[in-house]
Amino acid sequence: MAAYDNLFDTLGLRDWCDADKSEAPMSMAQLLSQTQGADAAAEETGLPFPSLDVLHESCHAIGQTRDLTAGLEEGFLSIRGQLKTVLDPITQPLSWMLDGTLYVFETTPWWVMIPLLLLLSWVVSRSRAVTAFVAVVLLFFALIDHYEVAMQTLAIVFVCTGLSVLLGVPIGIGMSRSNTAQRLIVPILDLLQTLPTFVYLIPLIFLFSVTESKLYGIAIILYAIVPVIRLTDLGIRLVDQDVVEAANAFGMTPNQKLFRVELPLALPNIMAGVNQTIMMSLAMVVIASLVSAPGLGVLVLRGIRNLELGVGIVAGLGIVLLAVILDRVSKAALSRVDKQRNAQ
């Protein structure tokens, strides 16, 4: 006798419960309970929680947990074609950008690429120490034959971070302009920030082929875009209202006020968001190697799969070094912006 038989009998629902009695395949828990027989029943004490599976034992009209998950899967697959039709043309430029950037970083000779990266580091940071550190790290990658995979990882981070900033800053500005928009967007950001990284890949695998670069590109952008949105919104909201009122008194238009007053004052917060977005992009690149993303993450995955300790550790340290140089360059840029603002 099932645990809740008496409840459904008392409520007079027995006919309704038995009307949908079907010979559906048993779950593993049901199979184990049948094979264990009386011993399992004797070990169970108290009334079990009325979960779907427990209630199903007493009333077959109530679905099981696996019916819920199967329904979710069938619902997603039923709209998969329509989603793919809409999303394919929208996301195809992302594949082109990733493939093009990877091609440039892979085919450009090292004696051209390394000076260009050092020049970029100097222009952004204006720090000799940071630029020298970037040079040492890049030469170290070349020395241990990890230069190519490091450039692949760097290319993916550049594209995904750039798009995250390009999309995230306007969204953050929109949130700062409207409390309603903030209330609507914040739960979505909370979901994106707390969703386990592997879960990002599940629906994307069903929508796109693993040979398409946009599969891992979308996952990286969704994971990394949250900090720049939040900190852009926060930075603009923290702008001194006296300054904003002074701008209004001078007759500035909303666009003039945004670009000449609010964004310059919010820039330190925005740059901090960019820094966090870079770090999160780099972290997701490793997970994205499970769906054909090239770079150092592939070597980490190889070390785990084949139990190659040295390969995994060296690739992991390479990712750490990339994270450090990106962090140092972005922080040096933020420090330079702060100095310029204070000098004014």
C-alpha atoms as a PDB file:
ATOM      1  CA  MET A   1       0.000   0.000   0.000  1.00  0.00           C
ATOM      2  CA  ALA A   2       1.341   3.376  -1.023  1.00  0.00           C
ATOM      3  CA  ALA A   3       1.839   6.113   1.559  1.00  0.00           C
ATOM      4  CA  TYR A   4      -0.996   8.421   0.439  1.00  0.00           C
ATOM      5  CA  ASP A   5      -3.651   5.889  -0.642  1.00  0.00           C
ATOM      6  CA  ASN A   6      -5.870   6.753   2.327  1.00  0.00           C
ATOM      7  CA  LEU A   7      -5.710  10.475   1.522  1.00  0.00           C
ATOM      8  CA  PHE A   8      -6.996  10.035  -2.027  1.00  0.00           C
ATOM      9  CA  ASP A   9      -9.629   7.518  -0.852  1.00  0.00           C
ATOM     10  CA  THR A  10     -10.879   9.980   1.794  1.00  0.00           C
ATOM     11  CA  LEU A  11     -11.096  12.774  -0.796  1.00  0.00           C
ATOM     12  CA  GLY A  12     -13.083  10.500  -3.099  1.00  0.00           C
ATOM     13  CA  LEU A  13     -10.520  10.739  -5.895  1.00  0.00           C
ATOM     14  CA  ARG A  14      -9.786   7.038  -6.289  1.00  0.00           C
ATOM     15  CA  ASP A  15     -11.691   6.700  -9.587  1.00  0.00           C
ATOM     16  CA  TRP A  16      -9.896   9.740 -11.009  1.00  0.00           C
ATOM     17  CA  CYS A  17      -6.523   8.418  -9.867  1.00  0.00           C
ATOM     18  CA  ASP A  18      -7.050   4.932 -11.297  1.00  0.00           C
ATOM     19  CA  ALA A  19      -8.540   6.192 -14.573  1.00  0.00           C
ATOM     20  CA  ASP A  20      -5.062   7.157 -15.804  1.00  0.00           C
ATOM     21  CA  LYS A  21      -3.289   4.068 -14.523  1.00  0.00           C
ATOM     22  CA  SER A  22      -0.780   3.110 -17.166  1.00  0.00           C
ATOM     23  CA  GLU A  23       2.030   0.667 -17.482  1.00  0.00           C
ATOM     24  CA  ALA A  24       4.741   3.270 -17.782  1.00  0.00           C
ATOM     25  CA  PRO A  25       8.318   2.090 -17.289  1.00  0.00           C
ATOM     26  CA  MET A  26       9.389   2.174 -13.673  1.00  0.00           C
ATOM     27  CA  SER A  27      11.981   4.576 -12.352  1.00  0.00           C
ATOM     28  CA  MET A  28      15.191   3.254 -10.835  1.00  0.00           C
ATOM     29  CA  ALA A  29      13.897   4.037  -7.330  1.00  0.00           C
ATOM     30  CA  GLN A  30      10.706   2.052  -7.978  1.00  0.00           C
ATOM     31  CA  LEU A  31      12.663  -0.862  -9.400  1.00  0.00           C
ATOM     32  CA  LEU A  32      14.978  -0.933  -6.382  1.00  0.00           C
ATOM     33  CA  SER A  33      12.033  -0.767  -3.983  1.00  0.00           C
ATOM     34  CA  GLN A  34      10.403  -3.729  -5.699  1.00  0.00           C
ATOM     35  CA  THR A  35      13.560  -5.825  -5.693  1.00  0.00           C
ATOM     36  CA  GLN A  36      14.271  -5.050  -2.037  1.00  0.00           C
ATOM     37  CA  GLY A  37      10.694  -5.879  -1.110  1.00  0.00           C
ATOM     38  CA  ALA A  38       9.673  -6.003   2.526  1.00  0.00           C
ATOM     39  CA  ASP A  39      13.171  -5.196   3.847  1.00  0.00           C
ATOM     40  CA  ALA A  40      13.129  -1.751   2.192  1.00  0.00           C
ATOM     41  CA  ALA A  41       9.612  -1.090   3.469  1.00  0.00           C
ATOM     42  CA  ALA A  42      10.633  -2.057   6.995  1.00  0.00           C
ATOM     43  CA  GLU A  43      13.625   0.301   6.925  1.00  0.00           C
ATOM     44  CA  GLU A  44      11.450   3.281   5.904  1.00  0.00           C
ATOM     45  CA  THR A  45      10.083   5.176   8.872  1.00  0.00           C
ATOM     46  CA  GLY A  46       7.586   8.009   9.013  1.00  0.00           C
ATOM     47  CA  LEU A  47       5.516   9.570   6.249  1.00  0.00           C
ATOM     48  CA  PRO A  48       7.505  10.448   3.100  1.00  0.00           C
ATOM     49  CA  PHE A  49       7.336  13.969   1.708  1.00  0.00           C
ATOM     50  CA  PRO A  50       4.504  14.219  -0.851  1.00  0.00           C
ATOM     51  CA  SER A  51       6.749  14.628  -3.891  1.00  0.00           C
ATOM     52  CA  LEU A  52       5.458  13.934  -7.377  1.00  0.00           C
ATOM     53  CA  ASP A  53       6.932  10.428  -7.448  1.00  0.00           C
ATOM     54  CA  VAL A  54       5.471   9.542  -4.032  1.00  0.00           C
ATOM     55  CA  LEU A  55       2.018  10.890  -4.947  1.00  0.00           C
ATOM     56  CA  HIS A  56       2.167   9.046  -8.267  1.00  0.00           C
ATOM     57  CA  GLU A  57       2.411   5.751  -6.419  1.00  0.00           C
ATOM     58  CA  SER A  58      -0.975   6.479  -4.828  1.00  0.00           C
ATOM     59  CA  CYS A  59      -2.577   8.351  -7.721  1.00  0.00           C
ATOM     60  CA  HIS A  60      -1.450   7.529 -11.257  1.00  0.00           C
ATOM     61  CA  ALA A  61      -3.226  10.616 -12.603  1.00  0.00           C
ATOM     62  CA  ILE A  62      -0.454  12.708 -11.026  1.00  0.00           C
ATOM     63  CA  GLY A  63       2.628  12.840 -13.186  1.00  0.00           C
ATOM     64  CA  GLN A  64       6.118  11.899 -12.079  1.00  0.00           C
ATOM     65  CA  THR A  65       9.168  14.129 -11.905  1.00  0.00           C
ATOM     66  CA  ARG A  66      10.486  12.596 -15.101  1.00  0.00           C
ATOM     67  CA  ASP A  67       7.256  13.698 -16.833  1.00  0.00           C
ATOM     68  CA  LEU A  68       8.125  17.282 -15.897  1.00  0.00           C
ATOM     69  CA  THR A  69      11.667  17.057 -17.263  1.00  0.00           C
ATOM     70  CA  ALA A  70      10.470  15.190 -20.364  1.00  0.00           C
ATOM     71  CA  GLY A  71       7.811  17.842 -20.959  1.00  0.00           C
ATOM     72  CA  LEU A  72      10.390  20.609 -20.675  1.00  0.00           C
ATOM     73  CA  GLU A  73      12.638  18.829 -23.162  1.00  0.00           C
ATOM     74  CA  GLU A  74       9.792  18.163 -25.598  1.00  0.00           C
ATOM     75  CA  GLY A  75       8.635  21.792 -25.325  1.00  0.00           C
ATOM     76  CA  PHE A  76      12.124  23.094 -26.093  1.00  0.00           C
ATOM     77  CA  LEU A  77      12.577  20.699 -29.014  1.00  0.00           C
ATOM     78  CA  SER A  78       9.176  21.669 -30.424  1.00  0.00           C
ATOM     79  CA  ILE A  79      10.247  25.314 -30.792  1.00  0.00           C
ATOM     80  CA  ARG A  80      13.859  24.519 -31.648  1.00  0.00           C
ATOM     81  CA  GLY A  81      13.308  24.975 -35.379  1.00  0.00           C
ATOM     82  CA  GLN A  82      11.690  28.385 -34.968  1.00  0.00           C
ATOM     83  CA  LEU A  83      14.352  29.541 -32.494  1.00  0.00           C
ATOM     84  CA  LYS A  84      17.119  28.419 -34.830  1.00  0.00           C
ATOM     85  CA  THR A  85      15.497  30.230 -37.763  1.00  0.00           C
ATOM     86  CA  VAL A  86      15.411  33.477 -35.775  1.00  0.00           C
ATOM     87  CA  LEU A  87      18.757  33.196 -33.968  1.00  0.00           C
ATOM     88  CA  ASP A  88      20.919  31.880 -36.808  1.00  0.00           C
ATOM     89  CA  PRO A  89      21.062  35.092 -38.886  1.00  0.00           C
ATOM     90  CA  ILE A  90      21.358  37.251 -35.759  1.00  0.00           C
ATOM     91  CA  THR A  91      24.276  35.298 -34.295  1.00  0.00           C
ATOM     92  CA  GLN A  92      26.098  34.424 -37.522  1.00  0.00           C
ATOM     93  CA  PRO A  93      28.219  37.621 -37.417  1.00  0.00           C
ATOM     94  CA  LEU A  94      29.589  36.393 -34.086  1.00  0.00           C
ATOM     95  CA  SER A  95      30.932  33.280 -35.819  1.00  0.00           C
ATOM     96  CA  TRP A  96      32.496  35.424 -38.521  1.00  0.00           C
ATOM     97  CA  MET A  97      34.126  37.703 -35.944  1.00  0.00           C
ATOM     98  CA  LEU A  98      35.505  34.798 -33.904  1.00  0.00           C
ATOM     99  CA  ASP A  99      36.745  32.887 -36.949  1.00  0.00           C
ATOM    100  CA  GLY A 100      38.280  36.009 -38.466  1.00  0.00           C
ATOM    101  CA  THR A 101      40.025  37.068 -35.267  1.00  0.00           C
ATOM    102  CA  LEU A 102      41.318  33.546 -34.667  1.00  0.00           C
ATOM    103  CA  TYR A 103      42.663  33.466 -38.236  1.00  0.00           C
ATOM    104  CA  VAL A 104      44.468  36.788 -37.762  1.00  0.00           C
ATOM    105  CA  PHE A 105      45.993  35.797 -34.409  1.00  0.00           C
ATOM    106  CA  GLU A 106      47.046  32.361 -35.701  1.00  0.00           C
ATOM    107  CA  THR A 107      48.520  33.430 -39.040  1.00  0.00           C
ATOM    108  CA  THR A 108      50.276  36.653 -38.012  1.00  0.00           C
ATOM    109  CA  PRO A 109      53.983  35.900 -37.412  1.00  0.00           C
ATOM    110  CA  TRP A 110      55.145  36.090 -33.813  1.00  0.00           C
ATOM    111  CA  TRP A 111      57.656  38.806 -34.647  1.00  0.00           C
ATOM    112  CA  VAL A 112      54.727  40.990 -35.748  1.00  0.00           C
ATOM    113  CA  MET A 113      52.072  39.956 -33.218  1.00  0.00           C
ATOM    114  CA  ILE A 114      54.187  40.291 -30.070  1.00  0.00           C
ATOM    115  CA  PRO A 115      55.322  43.889 -30.828  1.00  0.00           C
ATOM    116  CA  LEU A 116      51.712  44.815 -31.671  1.00  0.00           C
ATOM    117  CA  LEU A 117      50.450  43.414 -28.367  1.00  0.00           C
ATOM    118  CA  LEU A 118      53.212  45.224 -26.499  1.00  0.00           C
ATOM    119  CA  LEU A 119      52.332  48.475 -28.275  1.00  0.00           C
ATOM    120  CA  LEU A 120      48.667  47.977 -27.344  1.00  0.00           C
ATOM    121  CA  SER A 121      49.652  47.323 -23.723  1.00  0.00           C
ATOM    122  CA  TRP A 122      51.716  50.516 -23.628  1.00  0.00           C
ATOM    123  CA  VAL A 123      49.008  52.665 -25.253  1.00  0.00           C
ATOM    124  CA  VAL A 124      46.374  51.385 -22.809  1.00  0.00           C
ATOM    125  CA  SER A 125      48.417  51.322 -19.605  1.00  0.00           C
ATOM    126  CA  ARG A 126      51.268  53.828 -20.176  1.00  0.00           C
ATOM    127  CA  SER A 127      53.239  51.687 -17.736  1.00  0.00           C
ATOM    128  CA  ARG A 128      56.721  50.367 -18.508  1.00  0.00           C
ATOM    129  CA  ALA A 129      56.476  47.756 -15.771  1.00  0.00           C
ATOM    130  CA  VAL A 130      53.183  46.377 -17.088  1.00  0.00           C
ATOM    131  CA  THR A 131      54.421  46.367 -20.695  1.00  0.00           C
ATOM    132  CA  ALA A 132      57.634  44.578 -19.669  1.00  0.00           C
ATOM    133  CA  PHE A 133      55.606  41.986 -17.747  1.00  0.00           C
ATOM    134  CA  VAL A 134      53.414  41.369 -20.824  1.00  0.00           C
ATOM    135  CA  ALA A 135      56.574  40.891 -22.921  1.00  0.00           C
ATOM    136  CA  VAL A 136      57.984  38.342 -20.459  1.00  0.00           C
ATOM    137  CA  VAL A 137      54.739  36.358 -20.392  1.00  0.00           C
ATOM    138  CA  LEU A 138      54.396  36.279 -24.201  1.00  0.00           C
ATOM    139  CA  LEU A 139      58.018  35.203 -24.624  1.00  0.00           C
ATOM    140  CA  PHE A 140      57.468  32.508 -21.984  1.00  0.00           C
ATOM    141  CA  PHE A 141      54.509  31.146 -23.988  1.00  0.00           C
ATOM    142  CA  ALA A 142      56.669  31.061 -27.111  1.00  0.00           C
ATOM    143  CA  LEU A 143      59.501  29.350 -25.237  1.00  0.00           C
ATOM    144  CA  ILE A 144      57.330  26.442 -24.034  1.00  0.00           C
ATOM    145  CA  ASP A 145      55.529  26.082 -27.411  1.00  0.00           C
ATOM    146  CA  HIS A 146      52.228  27.361 -26.039  1.00  0.00           C
ATOM    147  CA  TYR A 147      52.247  30.574 -28.050  1.00  0.00           C
ATOM    148  CA  GLU A 148      49.659  29.437 -30.619  1.00  0.00           C
ATOM    149  CA  VAL A 149      47.081  28.199 -28.095  1.00  0.00           C
ATOM    150  CA  ALA A 150      47.651  31.300 -25.956  1.00  0.00           C
ATOM    151  CA  MET A 151      46.907  33.496 -28.975  1.00  0.00           C
ATOM    152  CA  GLN A 152      43.726  31.496 -29.653  1.00  0.00           C
ATOM    153  CA  THR A 153      42.543  32.094 -26.095  1.00  0.00           C
ATOM    154  CA  LEU A 154      43.476  35.775 -26.314  1.00  0.00           C
ATOM    155  CA  ALA A 155      41.584  36.164 -29.600  1.00  0.00           C
ATOM    156  CA  ILE A 156      38.403  34.683 -28.124  1.00  0.00           C
ATOM    157  CA  VAL A 157      38.683  36.890 -25.029  1.00  0.00           C
ATOM    158  CA  PHE A 158      39.189  40.022 -27.150  1.00  0.00           C
ATOM    159  CA  VAL A 159      36.108  39.360 -29.283  1.00  0.00           C
ATOM    160  CA  CYS A 160      33.789  38.263 -26.467  1.00  0.00           C
ATOM    161  CA  THR A 161      34.921  41.008 -24.086  1.00  0.00           C
ATOM    162  CA  GLY A 162      34.571  43.649 -26.778  1.00  0.00           C
ATOM    163  CA  LEU A 163      31.032  42.544 -27.612  1.00  0.00           C
ATOM    164  CA  SER A 164      30.131  42.287 -23.923  1.00  0.00           C
ATOM    165  CA  VAL A 165      31.220  45.898 -23.383  1.00  0.00           C
ATOM    166  CA  LEU A 166      29.547  47.052 -26.600  1.00  0.00           C
ATOM    167  CA  LEU A 167      26.234  45.497 -25.518  1.00  0.00           C
ATOM    168  CA  GLY A 168      26.557  45.848 -21.757  1.00  0.00           C
ATOM    169  CA  VAL A 169      27.304  49.569 -21.441  1.00  0.00           C
ATOM    170  CA  PRO A 170      24.144  50.692 -23.321  1.00  0.00           C
ATOM    171  CA  ILE A 171      22.035  48.257 -21.282  1.00  0.00           C
ATOM    172  CA  GLY A 172      23.563  49.642 -18.080  1.00  0.00           C
ATOM    173  CA  ILE A 173      22.845  53.198 -19.238  1.00  0.00           C
ATOM    174  CA  GLY A 174      19.230  52.220 -19.945  1.00  0.00           C
ATOM    175  CA  MET A 175      18.924  50.671 -16.479  1.00  0.00           C
ATOM    176  CA  SER A 176      20.248  53.839 -14.864  1.00  0.00           C
ATOM    177  CA  ARG A 177      17.634  55.891 -16.706  1.00  0.00           C
ATOM    178  CA  SER A 178      14.612  53.820 -15.618  1.00  0.00           C
ATOM    179  CA  ASN A 179      13.828  52.146 -12.304  1.00  0.00           C
ATOM    180  CA  THR A 180      11.305  49.958 -14.107  1.00  0.00           C
ATOM    181  CA  ALA A 181      13.958  48.717 -16.523  1.00  0.00           C
ATOM    182  CA  GLN A 182      16.261  48.029 -13.589  1.00  0.00           C
ATOM    183  CA  ARG A 183      13.600  45.974 -11.797  1.00  0.00           C
ATOM    184  CA  LEU A 184      13.010  43.953 -14.964  1.00  0.00           C
ATOM    185  CA  ILE A 185      16.661  43.391 -15.889  1.00  0.00           C
ATOM    186  CA  VAL A 186      18.174  42.703 -12.445  1.00  0.00           C
ATOM    187  CA  PRO A 187      16.434  39.269 -12.056  1.00  0.00           C
ATOM    188  CA  ILE A 188      17.792  38.277 -15.478  1.00  0.00           C
ATOM    189  CA  LEU A 189      21.292  39.348 -14.429  1.00  0.00           C
ATOM    190  CA  ASP A 190      20.914  37.405 -11.173  1.00  0.00           C
ATOM    191  CA  LEU A 191      19.966  34.320 -13.191  1.00  0.00           C
ATOM    192  CA  LEU A 192      22.926  34.700 -15.555  1.00  0.00           C
ATOM    193  CA  GLN A 193      25.322  35.279 -12.658  1.00  0.00           C
ATOM    194  CA  THR A 194      24.215  32.296 -10.566  1.00  0.00           C
ATOM    195  CA  LEU A 195      23.506  29.749 -13.308  1.00  0.00           C
ATOM    196  CA  PRO A 196      26.234  27.067 -13.311  1.00  0.00           C
ATOM    197  CA  THR A 197      28.622  27.566 -16.203  1.00  0.00           C
ATOM    198  CA  PHE A 198      27.952  24.150 -17.733  1.00  0.00           C
ATOM    199  CA  VAL A 199      24.206  24.893 -17.898  1.00  0.00           C
ATOM    200  CA  TYR A 200      24.846  27.712 -20.390  1.00  0.00           C
ATOM    201  CA  LEU A 201      25.981  25.117 -22.897  1.00  0.00           C
ATOM    202  CA  ILE A 202      22.959  22.777 -22.700  1.00  0.00           C
ATOM    203  CA  PRO A 203      20.369  24.734 -24.750  1.00  0.00           C
ATOM    204  CA  LEU A 204      23.042  26.101 -27.078  1.00  0.00           C
ATOM    205  CA  ILE A 205      24.165  22.582 -28.034  1.00  0.00           C
ATOM    206  CA  PHE A 206      20.619  21.831 -29.196  1.00  0.00           C
ATOM    207  CA  LEU A 207      20.398  25.081 -31.182  1.00  0.00           C
ATOM    208  CA  PHE A 208      23.786  25.242 -32.884  1.00  0.00           C
ATOM    209  CA  SER A 209      26.330  22.810 -34.220  1.00  0.00           C
ATOM    210  CA  VAL A 210      29.460  22.252 -32.136  1.00  0.00           C
ATOM    211  CA  THR A 211      31.465  23.180 -35.228  1.00  0.00           C
ATOM    212  CA  GLU A 212      30.073  26.731 -35.120  1.00  0.00           C
ATOM    213  CA  SER A 213      32.117  29.279 -33.212  1.00  0.00           C
ATOM    214  CA  LYS A 214      29.030  31.166 -32.087  1.00  0.00           C
ATOM    215  CA  LEU A 215      28.093  28.234 -29.826  1.00  0.00           C
ATOM    216  CA  TYR A 216      30.857  28.982 -27.341  1.00  0.00           C
ATOM    217  CA  GLY A 217      30.861  32.696 -28.167  1.00  0.00           C
ATOM    218  CA  ILE A 218      27.265  33.149 -26.987  1.00  0.00           C
ATOM    219  CA  ALA A 219      27.970  31.175 -23.809  1.00  0.00           C
ATOM    220  CA  ILE A 220      30.990  33.348 -22.986  1.00  0.00           C
ATOM    221  CA  ILE A 221      29.148  36.613 -23.652  1.00  0.00           C
ATOM    222  CA  LEU A 222      26.104  35.611 -21.570  1.00  0.00           C
ATOM    223  CA  TYR A 223      28.375  34.654 -18.685  1.00  0.00           C
ATOM    224  CA  ALA A 224      30.696  37.663 -18.878  1.00  0.00           C
ATOM    225  CA  ILE A 225      28.331  40.521 -19.687  1.00  0.00           C
ATOM    226  CA  VAL A 226      26.788  40.809 -16.217  1.00  0.00           C
ATOM    227  CA  PRO A 227      29.519  42.830 -14.386  1.00  0.00           C
ATOM    228  CA  VAL A 228      29.778  45.566 -17.012  1.00  0.00           C
ATOM    229  CA  ILE A 229      25.989  46.030 -17.017  1.00  0.00           C
ATOM    230  CA  ARG A 230      25.749  46.188 -13.235  1.00  0.00           C
ATOM    231  CA  LEU A 231      28.701  48.529 -12.742  1.00  0.00           C
ATOM    232  CA  THR A 232      27.662  50.858 -15.569  1.00  0.00           C
ATOM    233  CA  ASP A 233      24.240  51.211 -13.951  1.00  0.00           C
ATOM    234  CA  LEU A 234      25.810  51.686 -10.520  1.00  0.00           C
ATOM    235  CA  GLY A 235      28.408  54.183 -11.741  1.00  0.00           C
ATOM    236  CA  ILE A 236      25.846  56.465 -13.386  1.00  0.00           C
ATOM    237  CA  ARG A 237      23.504  56.275 -10.402  1.00  0.00           C
ATOM    238  CA  LEU A 238      26.379  57.277  -8.093  1.00  0.00           C
ATOM    239  CA  VAL A 239      27.134  60.467 -10.023  1.00  0.00           C
ATOM    240  CA  ASP A 240      26.705  63.440  -7.716  1.00  0.00           C
ATOM    241  CA  GLN A 241      23.227  64.866  -8.256  1.00  0.00           C
ATOM    242  CA  ASP A 242      24.505  68.385  -7.644  1.00  0.00           C
ATOM    243  CA  VAL A 243      26.695  68.008 -10.740  1.00  0.00           C
ATOM    244  CA  VAL A 244      23.732  66.710 -12.729  1.00  0.00           C
ATOM    245  CA  GLU A 245      21.587  69.648 -11.599  1.00  0.00           C
ATOM    246  CA  ALA A 246      24.349  72.047 -12.582  1.00  0.00           C
ATOM    247  CA  ALA A 247      24.430  70.454 -16.047  1.00  0.00           C
ATOM    248  CA  ASN A 248      20.657  70.903 -16.284  1.00  0.00           C
ATOM    249  CA  ALA A 249      21.032  74.544 -15.230  1.00  0.00           C
ATOM    250  CA  PHE A 250      23.482  75.100 -18.099  1.00  0.00           C
ATOM    251  CA  GLY A 251      20.826  73.800 -20.503  1.00  0.00           C
ATOM    252  CA  MET A 252      22.565  70.596 -21.537  1.00  0.00           C
ATOM    253  CA  THR A 253      20.538  68.105 -23.554  1.00  0.00           C
ATOM    254  CA  PRO A 254      20.203  64.541 -22.157  1.00  0.00           C
ATOM    255  CA  ASN A 255      22.833  63.286 -24.609  1.00  0.00           C
ATOM    256  CA  GLN A 256      25.259  66.095 -23.752  1.00  0.00           C
ATOM    257  CA  LYS A 257      24.737  65.432 -20.056  1.00  0.00           C
ATOM    258  CA  LEU A 258      25.352  61.710 -20.556  1.00  0.00           C
ATOM    259  CA  PHE A 259      28.553  61.986 -22.614  1.00  0.00           C
ATOM    260  CA  ARG A 260      30.087  65.072 -21.007  1.00  0.00           C
ATOM    261  CA  VAL A 261      29.127  64.612 -17.361  1.00  0.00           C
ATOM    262  CA  GLU A 262      27.732  61.232 -16.329  1.00  0.00           C
ATOM    263  CA  LEU A 263      29.885  58.817 -18.327  1.00  0.00           C
ATOM    264  CA  PRO A 264      33.205  60.572 -17.504  1.00  0.00           C
ATOM    265  CA  LEU A 265      32.344  60.548 -13.797  1.00  0.00           C
ATOM    266  CA  ALA A 266      31.142  56.930 -13.967  1.00  0.00           C
ATOM    267  CA  LEU A 267      34.155  55.769 -15.980  1.00  0.00           C
ATOM    268  CA  PRO A 268      36.088  54.263 -13.014  1.00  0.00           C
ATOM    269  CA  ASN A 269      33.118  52.020 -12.188  1.00  0.00           C
ATOM    270  CA  ILE A 270      32.648  51.116 -15.842  1.00  0.00           C
ATOM    271  CA  MET A 271      36.333  50.233 -16.186  1.00  0.00           C
ATOM    272  CA  ALA A 272      36.069  48.038 -13.087  1.00  0.00           C
ATOM    273  CA  GLY A 273      33.174  46.262 -14.786  1.00  0.00           C
ATOM    274  CA  VAL A 274      35.262  45.800 -17.922  1.00  0.00           C
ATOM    275  CA  ASN A 275      38.032  44.278 -15.805  1.00  0.00           C
ATOM    276  CA  GLN A 276      35.618  41.777 -14.267  1.00  0.00           C
ATOM    277  CA  THR A 277      34.155  40.981 -17.689  1.00  0.00           C
ATOM    278  CA  ILE A 278      37.638  40.168 -18.999  1.00  0.00           C
ATOM    279  CA  MET A 279      38.265  37.803 -16.086  1.00  0.00           C
ATOM    280  CA  MET A 280      34.914  36.056 -16.507  1.00  0.00           C
ATOM    281  CA  SER A 281      35.449  35.694 -20.268  1.00  0.00           C
ATOM    282  CA  LEU A 282      38.772  34.014 -19.625  1.00  0.00           C
ATOM    283  CA  ALA A 283      37.216  31.682 -17.049  1.00  0.00           C
ATOM    284  CA  MET A 284      34.426  30.661 -19.446  1.00  0.00           C
ATOM    285  CA  VAL A 285      36.876  30.003 -22.299  1.00  0.00           C
ATOM    286  CA  VAL A 286      38.115  26.963 -20.365  1.00  0.00           C
ATOM    287  CA  ILE A 287      34.576  25.572 -19.942  1.00  0.00           C
ATOM    288  CA  ALA A 288      33.819  26.355 -23.586  1.00  0.00           C
ATOM    289  CA  SER A 289      36.622  24.007 -24.654  1.00  0.00           C
ATOM    290  CA  LEU A 290      34.077  21.231 -24.058  1.00  0.00           C
ATOM    291  CA  VAL A 291      32.237  22.488 -27.144  1.00  0.00           C
ATOM    292  CA  SER A 292      35.190  22.940 -29.496  1.00  0.00           C
ATOM    293  CA  ALA A 293      36.522  26.295 -28.295  1.00  0.00           C
ATOM    294  CA  PRO A 294      40.253  26.320 -29.124  1.00  0.00           C
ATOM    295  CA  GLY A 295      43.035  27.548 -26.873  1.00  0.00           C
ATOM    296  CA  LEU A 296      44.573  26.677 -23.538  1.00  0.00           C
ATOM    297  CA  GLY A 297      41.296  25.197 -22.300  1.00  0.00           C
ATOM    298  CA  VAL A 298      41.741  22.306 -24.730  1.00  0.00           C
ATOM    299  CA  LEU A 299      45.022  21.392 -23.053  1.00  0.00           C
ATOM    300  CA  VAL A 300      43.422  21.592 -19.610  1.00  0.00           C
ATOM    301  CA  LEU A 301      40.661  19.280 -20.824  1.00  0.00           C
ATOM    302  CA  ARG A 302      43.243  16.932 -22.316  1.00  0.00           C
ATOM    303  CA  GLY A 303      45.124  16.818 -19.021  1.00  0.00           C
ATOM    304  CA  ILE A 304      41.914  15.859 -17.190  1.00  0.00           C
ATOM    305  CA  ARG A 305      40.730  13.328 -19.764  1.00  0.00           C
ATOM    306  CA  ASN A 306      44.059  11.565 -20.274  1.00  0.00           C
ATOM    307  CA  LEU A 307      45.391  12.087 -16.724  1.00  0.00           C
ATOM    308  CA  GLU A 308      48.361  14.037 -18.126  1.00  0.00           C
ATOM    309  CA  LEU A 309      49.336  15.955 -15.011  1.00  0.00           C
ATOM    310  CA  GLY A 310      52.072  18.074 -16.580  1.00  0.00           C
ATOM    311  CA  VAL A 311      49.990  19.130 -19.591  1.00  0.00           C
ATOM    312  CA  GLY A 312      47.071  20.190 -17.404  1.00  0.00           C
ATOM    313  CA  ILE A 313      49.200  22.099 -14.887  1.00  0.00           C
ATOM    314  CA  VAL A 314      51.230  23.980 -17.518  1.00  0.00           C
ATOM    315  CA  ALA A 315      48.058  24.947 -19.422  1.00  0.00           C
ATOM    316  CA  GLY A 316      46.402  26.017 -16.172  1.00  0.00           C
ATOM    317  CA  LEU A 317      49.374  28.192 -15.267  1.00  0.00           C
ATOM    318  CA  GLY A 318      49.232  29.668 -18.759  1.00  0.00           C
ATOM    319  CA  ILE A 319      45.611  30.670 -18.184  1.00  0.00           C
ATOM    320  CA  VAL A 320      46.615  32.238 -14.872  1.00  0.00           C
ATOM    321  CA  LEU A 321      49.352  34.247 -16.600  1.00  0.00           C
ATOM    322  CA  LEU A 322      46.925  35.458 -19.264  1.00  0.00           C
ATOM    323  CA  ALA A 323      44.490  36.468 -16.534  1.00  0.00           C
ATOM    324  CA  VAL A 324      47.240  38.349 -14.698  1.00  0.00           C
ATOM    325  CA  ILE A 325      48.431  40.334 -17.721  1.00  0.00           C
ATOM    326  CA  LEU A 326      44.863  41.239 -18.728  1.00  0.00           C
ATOM    327  CA  ASP A 327      44.119  42.245 -15.146  1.00  0.00           C
ATOM    328  CA  ARG A 328      47.272  44.342 -14.834  1.00  0.00           C
ATOM    329  CA  VAL A 329      46.721  46.123 -18.146  1.00  0.00           C
ATOM    330  CA  SER A 330      43.074  46.931 -17.402  1.00  0.00           C
ATOM    331  CA  LYS A 331      43.883  48.112 -13.871  1.00  0.00           C
ATOM    332  CA  ALA A 332      46.726  50.268 -15.158  1.00  0.00           C
ATOM    333  CA  ALA A 333      44.298  51.790 -17.654  1.00  0.00           C
ATOM    334  CA  LEU A 334      41.810  52.456 -14.836  1.00  0.00           C
ATOM    335  CA  SER A 335      44.543  54.070 -12.727  1.00  0.00           C
ATOM    336  CA  ARG A 336      45.539  56.313 -15.644  1.00  0.00           C
ATOM    337  CA  VAL A 337      41.911  57.376 -16.127  1.00  0.00           C
ATOM    338  CA  ASP A 338      41.628  58.229 -12.426  1.00  0.00           C
ATOM    339  CA  LYS A 339      44.806  60.314 -12.525  1.00  0.00           C
ATOM    340  CA  GLN A 340      43.628  62.234 -15.582  1.00  0.00           C
ATOM    341  CA  ARG A 341      40.247  62.884 -13.967  1.00  0.00           C
ATOM    342  CA  ASN A 342      41.830  64.087 -10.729  1.00  0.00           C
ATOM    343  CA  ALA A 343      44.228  66.339 -12.637  1.00  0.00           C
ATOM    344  CA  GLN A 344      41.271  68.064 -14.253  1.00  0.00           C
END
